[in-house]
């Protein structure tokens, strides 16, 4: 399965809508998108993962890399995820302590850093 990406601006946040599988074959596409956004000056990102079907360690690495990039500019990276099978990956790896995870884009955008 392929990875679909689209971006939009909501307030002062850039929302990256991700769909499909984030794995060793598709993670580079997400990485390139996050790098491009940061290079263009978007330092407050919301990654909407509601349509993600699968996430592996390569995908986790890309998200962590994105977080490091925005933090270097005093920014933030918030995740939107309400699928139990994806949330379980964040819990097992302890990344729920690293990423703010929200149940909706609206909630993530409204959250203060």
Protein backbone atom coordinates (compact mmCIF):
# COMPACT_ATOMS: atom_id res chain seq x y z
CA UNK A 1 0.00 0.00 0.00
CA UNK A 2 1.16 3.52 -0.72
CA UNK A 3 1.35 6.55 1.51
CA UNK A 4 -0.83 9.59 0.94
CA UNK A 5 0.18 13.00 2.26
CA UNK A 6 -1.51 16.37 2.22
CA UNK A 7 -0.96 19.54 4.21
CA UNK A 8 -3.13 22.41 5.30
CA UNK A 9 -2.83 25.30 7.71
CA UNK A 10 -5.11 25.59 10.74
CA UNK A 11 -4.38 28.69 12.78
CA UNK A 12 -0.64 28.77 13.40
CA UNK A 13 -0.27 25.00 12.88
CA UNK A 14 0.52 23.02 9.77
CA UNK A 15 -1.52 19.83 9.64
CA UNK A 16 0.00 16.90 7.76
CA UNK A 17 -2.70 14.37 6.89
CA UNK A 18 -1.21 10.91 6.46
CA UNK A 19 -2.97 7.88 5.03
CA UNK A 20 -1.90 4.32 4.28
CA UNK A 21 1.17 2.60 5.62
CA UNK A 22 4.21 4.25 7.17
CA UNK A 23 6.88 1.61 6.77
CA UNK A 24 10.38 1.03 5.45
CA UNK A 25 9.13 1.53 1.88
CA UNK A 26 7.12 4.74 2.39
CA UNK A 27 8.70 6.48 5.39
CA UNK A 28 11.13 8.46 3.22
CA UNK A 29 8.18 10.26 1.62
CA UNK A 30 6.93 11.39 5.06
CA UNK A 31 10.46 12.35 6.13
CA UNK A 32 10.92 14.50 3.04
CA UNK A 33 7.58 16.23 3.69
CA UNK A 34 8.49 17.02 7.32
CA UNK A 35 11.96 18.28 6.35
CA UNK A 36 10.48 20.50 3.63
CA UNK A 37 7.92 21.98 6.02
CA UNK A 38 10.55 22.81 8.64
CA UNK A 39 12.88 24.25 5.99
CA UNK A 40 9.99 26.45 4.83
CA UNK A 41 9.48 27.77 8.38
CA UNK A 42 6.66 25.56 9.68
CA UNK A 43 7.74 24.73 13.22
CA UNK A 44 4.39 23.77 14.78
CA UNK A 45 3.19 20.58 13.13
CA UNK A 46 0.21 18.32 13.69
CA UNK A 47 0.53 14.89 12.08
CA UNK A 48 -2.97 13.51 11.53
CA UNK A 49 -2.64 9.72 11.56
CA UNK A 50 -6.34 8.86 11.61
CA UNK A 51 -6.09 7.17 8.19
CA UNK A 52 -2.82 5.31 8.88
CA UNK A 53 -3.26 1.56 8.53
CA UNK A 54 0.21 0.46 9.60
CA UNK A 55 3.24 1.95 11.36
CA UNK A 56 6.62 0.28 11.80
CA UNK A 57 9.89 1.24 13.49
CA UNK A 58 11.08 3.14 10.42
CA UNK A 59 7.95 5.30 10.61
CA UNK A 60 8.52 5.88 14.33
CA UNK A 61 12.06 6.97 13.53
CA UNK A 62 10.78 9.49 10.98
CA UNK A 63 8.36 10.96 13.53
CA UNK A 64 11.12 11.22 16.14
CA UNK A 65 13.38 12.89 13.57
CA UNK A 66 10.59 15.36 12.77
CA UNK A 67 10.15 16.12 16.46
CA UNK A 68 13.89 16.81 16.85
CA UNK A 69 13.79 19.13 13.83
CA UNK A 70 10.92 21.28 15.09
CA UNK A 71 12.31 21.36 18.63
CA UNK A 72 15.56 22.77 17.23
CA UNK A 73 13.41 25.78 16.26
CA UNK A 74 11.46 25.78 19.55
CA UNK A 75 8.52 24.23 17.72
CA UNK A 76 6.21 21.31 18.39
CA UNK A 77 4.99 18.13 16.75
CA UNK A 78 1.66 16.74 17.90
CA UNK A 79 0.05 13.52 16.73
CA UNK A 80 -3.62 12.81 16.08
CA UNK A 81 -4.46 9.15 16.48
CA UNK A 82 -7.48 7.32 17.80
CA UNK A 83 -6.82 3.83 16.43
CA UNK A 84 -6.01 1.39 19.17
CA UNK A 85 -3.61 -0.70 17.06
CA UNK A 86 -1.46 2.37 16.30
CA UNK A 87 -1.73 3.82 19.82
CA UNK A 88 -0.51 0.48 21.19
CA UNK A 89 2.78 0.92 19.31
CA UNK A 90 3.33 4.29 20.99
CA UNK A 91 2.51 2.84 24.41
CA UNK A 92 4.76 -0.22 24.01
CA UNK A 93 7.71 1.92 22.89
CA UNK A 94 7.17 4.52 25.60
CA UNK A 95 6.68 7.24 23.00
CA UNK A 96 3.43 8.39 24.62
CA UNK A 97 5.79 10.25 26.98
CA UNK A 98 7.55 11.90 24.03
CA UNK A 99 4.68 12.83 21.72
CA UNK A 100 1.51 14.67 22.68
CA UNK A 101 -1.20 12.42 21.19
CA UNK A 102 -4.67 13.84 20.58
CA UNK A 103 -7.97 12.34 19.42
CA UNK A 104 -8.77 15.08 16.87
CA UNK A 105 -7.05 17.75 14.81
CA UNK A 106 -9.15 20.39 16.56
CA UNK A 107 -7.92 19.21 19.96
CA UNK A 108 -4.28 19.17 18.79
CA UNK A 109 -4.52 22.67 17.28
CA UNK A 110 -6.15 24.06 20.43
CA UNK A 111 -3.51 22.56 22.74
CA UNK A 112 -0.90 24.92 24.14
CA UNK A 113 2.78 24.10 24.01
